[in-house]
Amino acid sequence: MSAAGLKEIISFAGIGLLIAALAFIQLSRRKFTGVLAGITAIIAYIFLIVGGLIVLYIVFSGPTV
C-alpha cells in the first residue's frame, strides 16, 4: 500500500472518531443521566482529542508523492 493510501485510511479513522465523539456527546447529554452520562462524555472527549490529533497530523504532514 502506498503512503498516500495509508494516510487516507488514517484520516478516515480520524474522521470516524470525530463522528463517534459527536454521537457519544449527544447520547450523554440527551439520553443518559448520572454516572453513565459521565462515562460516555469522557469517552466522547477522548475520541474528540484523538480524532482531532489524527486529522491535525494528516493535514500538517504535507502532501505525499
PDB file of N, CA and C in Angstrom:
ATOM      1  N   MET A   1       0.847  -1.170   0.000  1.00  0.00           N
ATOM      2  CA  MET A   1       0.000   0.000   0.000  1.00  0.00           C
ATOM      3  C   MET A   1       0.892   1.231   0.000  1.00  0.00           C
ATOM      4  N   SER A   2       0.506   2.212  -0.796  1.00  0.00           N
ATOM      5  CA  SER A   2       1.306   3.422  -0.900  1.00  0.00           C
ATOM      6  C   SER A   2       1.115   4.309   0.327  1.00  0.00           C
ATOM      7  N   ALA A   3       2.008   5.280   0.464  1.00  0.00           N
ATOM      8  CA  ALA A   3       1.939   6.204   1.603  1.00  0.00           C
ATOM      9  C   ALA A   3       0.666   7.044   1.539  1.00  0.00           C
ATOM     10  N   ALA A   4       0.268   7.427   0.341  1.00  0.00           N
ATOM     11  CA  ALA A   4      -0.945   8.235   0.195  1.00  0.00           C
ATOM     12  C   ALA A   4      -2.187   7.432   0.594  1.00  0.00           C
ATOM     13  N   GLY A   5      -2.225   6.173   0.213  1.00  0.00           N
ATOM     14  CA  GLY A   5      -3.358   5.322   0.592  1.00  0.00           C
ATOM     15  C   GLY A   5      -3.432   5.099   2.086  1.00  0.00           C
ATOM     16  N   LEU A   6      -2.274   4.938   2.704  1.00  0.00           N
ATOM     17  CA  LEU A   6      -2.233   4.745   4.153  1.00  0.00           C
ATOM     18  C   LEU A   6      -2.692   6.012   4.884  1.00  0.00           C
ATOM     19  N   LYS A   7      -2.245   7.174   4.397  1.00  0.00           N
ATOM     20  CA  LYS A   7      -2.689   8.425   5.011  1.00  0.00           C
ATOM     21  C   LYS A   7      -4.188   8.630   4.837  1.00  0.00           C
ATOM     22  N   GLU A   8      -4.730   8.182   3.731  1.00  0.00           N
ATOM     23  CA  GLU A   8      -6.171   8.301   3.501  1.00  0.00           C
ATOM     24  C   GLU A   8      -6.950   7.451   4.502  1.00  0.00           C
ATOM     25  N   ILE A   9      -6.519   6.229   4.722  1.00  0.00           N
ATOM     26  CA  ILE A   9      -7.196   5.351   5.673  1.00  0.00           C
ATOM     27  C   ILE A   9      -7.087   5.899   7.092  1.00  0.00           C
ATOM     28  N   ILE A  10      -5.898   6.426   7.444  1.00  0.00           N
ATOM     29  CA  ILE A  10      -5.723   7.012   8.768  1.00  0.00           C
ATOM     30  C   ILE A  10      -6.633   8.233   8.939  1.00  0.00           C
ATOM     31  N   SER A  11      -6.766   9.038   7.903  1.00  0.00           N
ATOM     32  CA  SER A  11      -7.639  10.215   8.004  1.00  0.00           C
ATOM     33  C   SER A  11      -9.104   9.800   8.132  1.00  0.00           C
ATOM     34  N   PHE A  12      -9.502   8.726   7.463  1.00  0.00           N
ATOM     35  CA  PHE A  12     -10.873   8.228   7.629  1.00  0.00           C
ATOM     36  C   PHE A  12     -11.106   7.755   9.055  1.00  0.00           C
ATOM     37  N   ALA A  13     -10.103   7.145   9.665  1.00  0.00           N
ATOM     38  CA  ALA A  13     -10.227   6.725  11.066  1.00  0.00           C
ATOM     39  C   ALA A  13     -10.397   7.944  11.974  1.00  0.00           C
ATOM     40  N   GLY A  14      -9.645   9.005  11.701  1.00  0.00           N
ATOM     41  CA  GLY A  14      -9.780  10.232  12.485  1.00  0.00           C
ATOM     42  C   GLY A  14     -11.155  10.863  12.336  1.00  0.00           C
ATOM     43  N   ILE A  15     -11.656  10.896  11.119  1.00  0.00           N
ATOM     44  CA  ILE A  15     -12.994  11.443  10.877  1.00  0.00           C
ATOM     45  C   ILE A  15     -14.045  10.578  11.562  1.00  0.00           C
ATOM     46  N   GLY A  16     -13.861   9.260  11.520  1.00  0.00           N
ATOM     47  CA  GLY A  16     -14.786   8.358  12.197  1.00  0.00           C
ATOM     48  C   GLY A  16     -14.799   8.578  13.701  1.00  0.00           C
ATOM     49  N   LEU A  17     -13.627   8.835  14.291  1.00  0.00           N
ATOM     50  CA  LEU A  17     -13.571   9.126  15.721  1.00  0.00           C
ATOM     51  C   LEU A  17     -14.290  10.430  16.053  1.00  0.00           C
ATOM     52  N   LEU A  18     -14.164  11.422  15.194  1.00  0.00           N
ATOM     53  CA  LEU A  18     -14.865  12.684  15.420  1.00  0.00           C
ATOM     54  C   LEU A  18     -16.378  12.496  15.343  1.00  0.00           C
ATOM     55  N   ILE A  19     -16.843  11.696  14.412  1.00  0.00           N
ATOM     56  CA  ILE A  19     -18.280  11.421  14.298  1.00  0.00           C
ATOM     57  C   ILE A  19     -18.766  10.620  15.497  1.00  0.00           C
ATOM     58  N   ALA A  20     -17.965   9.647  15.941  1.00  0.00           N
ATOM     59  CA  ALA A  20     -18.325   8.871  17.128  1.00  0.00           C
ATOM     60  C   ALA A  20     -18.382   9.771  18.362  1.00  0.00           C
ATOM     61  N   ALA A  21     -17.461  10.733  18.458  1.00  0.00           N
ATOM     62  CA  ALA A  21     -17.478  11.676  19.579  1.00  0.00           C
ATOM     63  C   ALA A  21     -18.763  12.488  19.575  1.00  0.00           C
ATOM     64  N   LEU A  22     -19.192  12.908  18.423  1.00  0.00           N
ATOM     65  CA  LEU A  22     -20.445  13.657  18.304  1.00  0.00           C
ATOM     66  C   LEU A  22     -21.624  12.818  18.790  1.00  0.00           C
ATOM     67  N   ALA A  23     -21.660  11.563  18.390  1.00  0.00           N
ATOM     68  CA  ALA A  23     -22.754  10.685  18.797  1.00  0.00           C
ATOM     69  C   ALA A  23     -22.734  10.429  20.306  1.00  0.00           C
ATOM     70  N   PHE A  24     -21.545  10.198  20.864  1.00  0.00           N
ATOM     71  CA  PHE A  24     -21.444   9.945  22.305  1.00  0.00           C
ATOM     72  C   PHE A  24     -21.818  11.173  23.125  1.00  0.00           C
ATOM     73  N   ILE A  25     -21.452  12.363  22.671  1.00  0.00           N
ATOM     74  CA  ILE A  25     -21.835  13.580  23.395  1.00  0.00           C
ATOM     75  C   ILE A  25     -23.349  13.749  23.374  1.00  0.00           C
ATOM     76  N   GLN A  26     -23.956  13.492  22.228  1.00  0.00           N
ATOM     77  CA  GLN A  26     -25.415  13.612  22.148  1.00  0.00           C
ATOM     78  C   GLN A  26     -26.093  12.589  23.068  1.00  0.00           C
ATOM     79  N   LEU A  27     -25.568  11.377  23.106  1.00  0.00           N
ATOM     80  CA  LEU A  27     -26.126  10.368  23.998  1.00  0.00           C
ATOM     81  C   LEU A  27     -25.983  10.776  25.463  1.00  0.00           C
ATOM     82  N   SER A  28     -24.813  11.268  25.814  1.00  0.00           N
ATOM     83  CA  SER A  28     -24.590  11.589  27.226  1.00  0.00           C
ATOM     84  C   SER A  28     -25.421  12.777  27.675  1.00  0.00           C
ATOM     85  N   ARG A  29     -25.706  13.698  26.783  1.00  0.00           N
ATOM     86  CA  ARG A  29     -26.467  14.878  27.187  1.00  0.00           C
ATOM     87  C   ARG A  29     -27.974  14.676  27.112  1.00  0.00           C
ATOM     88  N   ARG A  30     -28.441  13.866  26.186  1.00  0.00           N
ATOM     89  CA  ARG A  30     -29.885  13.750  25.971  1.00  0.00           C
ATOM     90  C   ARG A  30     -30.512  12.485  26.544  1.00  0.00           C
ATOM     91  N   LYS A  31     -29.790  11.381  26.539  1.00  0.00           N
ATOM     92  CA  LYS A  31     -30.406  10.098  26.898  1.00  0.00           C
ATOM     93  C   LYS A  31     -29.991   9.582  28.271  1.00  0.00           C
ATOM     94  N   PHE A  32     -28.740   9.798  28.650  1.00  0.00           N
ATOM     95  CA  PHE A  32     -28.221   9.197  29.868  1.00  0.00           C
ATOM     96  C   PHE A  32     -28.195  10.199  31.003  1.00  0.00           C
ATOM     97  N   THR A  33     -28.232   9.673  32.226  1.00  0.00           N
ATOM     98  CA  THR A  33     -28.103  10.511  33.412  1.00  0.00           C
ATOM     99  C   THR A  33     -27.123   9.854  34.379  1.00  0.00           C
ATOM    100  N   GLY A  34     -26.588  10.652  35.277  1.00  0.00           N
ATOM    101  CA  GLY A  34     -25.732  10.124  36.327  1.00  0.00           C
ATOM    102  C   GLY A  34     -24.380   9.668  35.841  1.00  0.00           C
ATOM    103  N   VAL A  35     -23.956   8.535  36.385  1.00  0.00           N
ATOM    104  CA  VAL A  35     -22.623   8.008  36.105  1.00  0.00           C
ATOM    105  C   VAL A  35     -22.476   7.611  34.637  1.00  0.00           C
ATOM    106  N   LEU A  36     -23.512   7.041  34.056  1.00  0.00           N
ATOM    107  CA  LEU A  36     -23.450   6.625  32.655  1.00  0.00           C
ATOM    108  C   LEU A  36     -23.228   7.813  31.724  1.00  0.00           C
ATOM    109  N   ALA A  37     -23.848   8.941  32.039  1.00  0.00           N
ATOM    110  CA  ALA A  37     -23.636  10.148  31.244  1.00  0.00           C
ATOM    111  C   ALA A  37     -22.196  10.626  31.362  1.00  0.00           C
ATOM    112  N   GLY A  38     -21.643  10.541  32.546  1.00  0.00           N
ATOM    113  CA  GLY A  38     -20.250  10.945  32.742  1.00  0.00           C
ATOM    114  C   GLY A  38     -19.275  10.060  32.004  1.00  0.00           C
ATOM    115  N   ILE A  39     -19.523   8.760  32.036  1.00  0.00           N
ATOM    116  CA  ILE A  39     -18.638   7.809  31.351  1.00  0.00           C
ATOM    117  C   ILE A  39     -18.676   8.028  29.845  1.00  0.00           C
ATOM    118  N   THR A  40     -19.872   8.185  29.284  1.00  0.00           N
ATOM    119  CA  THR A  40     -19.967   8.401  27.840  1.00  0.00           C
ATOM    120  C   THR A  40     -19.378   9.750  27.447  1.00  0.00           C
ATOM    121  N   ALA A  41     -19.489  10.755  28.298  1.00  0.00           N
ATOM    122  CA  ALA A  41     -18.888  12.052  27.999  1.00  0.00           C
ATOM    123  C   ALA A  41     -17.366  11.964  27.998  1.00  0.00           C
ATOM    124  N   ILE A  42     -16.803  11.223  28.949  1.00  0.00           N
ATOM    125  CA  ILE A  42     -15.349  11.054  28.986  1.00  0.00           C
ATOM    126  C   ILE A  42     -14.863  10.321  27.741  1.00  0.00           C
ATOM    127  N   ILE A  43     -15.572   9.269  27.361  1.00  0.00           N
ATOM    128  CA  ILE A  43     -15.216   8.533  26.141  1.00  0.00           C
ATOM    129  C   ILE A  43     -15.306   9.449  24.930  1.00  0.00           C
ATOM    130  N   ALA A  44     -16.353  10.263  24.876  1.00  0.00           N
ATOM    131  CA  ALA A  44     -16.536  11.171  23.744  1.00  0.00           C
ATOM    132  C   ALA A  44     -15.401  12.178  23.652  1.00  0.00           C
ATOM    133  N   TYR A  45     -14.987  12.736  24.783  1.00  0.00           N
ATOM    134  CA  TYR A  45     -13.904  13.716  24.745  1.00  0.00           C
ATOM    135  C   TYR A  45     -12.569  13.073  24.403  1.00  0.00           C
ATOM    136  N   ILE A  46     -12.366  11.833  24.811  1.00  0.00           N
ATOM    137  CA  ILE A  46     -11.153  11.119  24.401  1.00  0.00           C
ATOM    138  C   ILE A  46     -11.161  10.906  22.889  1.00  0.00           C
ATOM    139  N   PHE A  47     -12.303  10.472  22.350  1.00  0.00           N
ATOM    140  CA  PHE A  47     -12.423  10.308  20.897  1.00  0.00           C
ATOM    141  C   PHE A  47     -12.187  11.628  20.182  1.00  0.00           C
ATOM    142  N   LEU A  48     -12.709  12.720  20.729  1.00  0.00           N
ATOM    143  CA  LEU A  48     -12.558  14.039  20.117  1.00  0.00           C
ATOM    144  C   LEU A  48     -11.092  14.452  20.072  1.00  0.00           C
ATOM    145  N   ILE A  49     -10.385  14.249  21.160  1.00  0.00           N
ATOM    146  CA  ILE A  49      -8.973  14.638  21.203  1.00  0.00           C
ATOM    147  C   ILE A  49      -8.143  13.771  20.262  1.00  0.00           C
ATOM    148  N   VAL A  50      -8.344  12.457  20.307  1.00  0.00           N
ATOM    149  CA  VAL A  50      -7.562  11.558  19.450  1.00  0.00           C
ATOM    150  C   VAL A  50      -7.879  11.803  17.972  1.00  0.00           C
ATOM    151  N   GLY A  51      -9.164  11.942  17.635  1.00  0.00           N
ATOM    152  CA  GLY A  51      -9.548  12.206  16.248  1.00  0.00           C
ATOM    153  C   GLY A  51      -9.006  13.531  15.749  1.00  0.00           C
ATOM    154  N   GLY A  52      -9.046  14.549  16.606  1.00  0.00           N
ATOM    155  CA  GLY A  52      -8.502  15.848  16.222  1.00  0.00           C
ATOM    156  C   GLY A  52      -7.006  15.800  16.001  1.00  0.00           C
ATOM    157  N   LEU A  53      -6.286  15.078  16.851  1.00  0.00           N
ATOM    158  CA  LEU A  53      -4.838  14.950  16.675  1.00  0.00           C
ATOM    159  C   LEU A  53      -4.493  14.188  15.398  1.00  0.00           C
ATOM    160  N   ILE A  54      -5.278  13.167  15.085  1.00  0.00           N
ATOM    161  CA  ILE A  54      -5.041  12.418  13.842  1.00  0.00           C
ATOM    162  C   ILE A  54      -5.245  13.317  12.629  1.00  0.00           C
ATOM    163  N   VAL A  55      -6.349  14.049  12.604  1.00  0.00           N
ATOM    164  CA  VAL A  55      -6.622  14.933  11.467  1.00  0.00           C
ATOM    165  C   VAL A  55      -5.567  16.030  11.392  1.00  0.00           C
ATOM    166  N   LEU A  56      -5.171  16.578  12.528  1.00  0.00           N
ATOM    167  CA  LEU A  56      -4.137  17.610  12.552  1.00  0.00           C
ATOM    168  C   LEU A  56      -2.816  17.072  12.007  1.00  0.00           C
ATOM    169  N   TYR A  57      -2.463  15.858  12.390  1.00  0.00           N
ATOM    170  CA  TYR A  57      -1.231  15.249  11.876  1.00  0.00           C
ATOM    171  C   TYR A  57      -1.298  15.064  10.363  1.00  0.00           C
ATOM    172  N   ILE A  58      -2.418  14.563   9.869  1.00  0.00           N
ATOM    173  CA  ILE A  58      -2.548  14.319   8.425  1.00  0.00           C
ATOM    174  C   ILE A  58      -2.476  15.630   7.652  1.00  0.00           C
ATOM    175  N   VAL A  59      -3.111  16.674   8.178  1.00  0.00           N
ATOM    176  CA  VAL A  59      -3.115  17.956   7.466  1.00  0.00           C
ATOM    177  C   VAL A  59      -1.716  18.571   7.438  1.00  0.00           C
ATOM    178  N   PHE A  60      -1.028  18.551   8.575  1.00  0.00           N
ATOM    179  CA  PHE A  60       0.280  19.215   8.640  1.00  0.00           C
ATOM    180  C   PHE A  60       1.448  18.356   8.177  1.00  0.00           C
ATOM    181  N   SER A  61       1.210  17.084   7.893  1.00  0.00           N
ATOM    182  CA  SER A  61       2.315  16.259   7.404  1.00  0.00           C
ATOM    183  C   SER A  61       2.601  16.505   5.926  1.00  0.00           C
ATOM    184  N   GLY A  62       1.733  17.220   5.265  1.00  0.00           N
ATOM    185  CA  GLY A  62       2.010  17.617   3.885  1.00  0.00           C
ATOM    186  C   GLY A  62       1.583  16.586   2.865  1.00  0.00           C
ATOM    187  N   PRO A  63       1.746  16.951   1.604  1.00  0.00           N
ATOM    188  CA  PRO A  63       1.343  16.035   0.534  1.00  0.00           C
ATOM    189  C   PRO A  63       2.305  14.873   0.374  1.00  0.00           C
ATOM    190  N   THR A  64       1.780  13.789  -0.169  1.00  0.00           N
ATOM    191  CA  THR A  64       2.628  12.636  -0.475  1.00  0.00           C
ATOM    192  C   THR A  64       2.812  12.560  -1.983  1.00  0.00           C
ATOM    193  N   VAL A  65       3.921  12.010  -2.364  1.00  0.00           N
ATOM    194  CA  VAL A  65       4.256  11.947  -3.799  1.00  0.00           C
ATOM    195  C   VAL A  65       3.939  10.589  -4.326  1.00  0.00           C
TER     196      VAL A  65
END
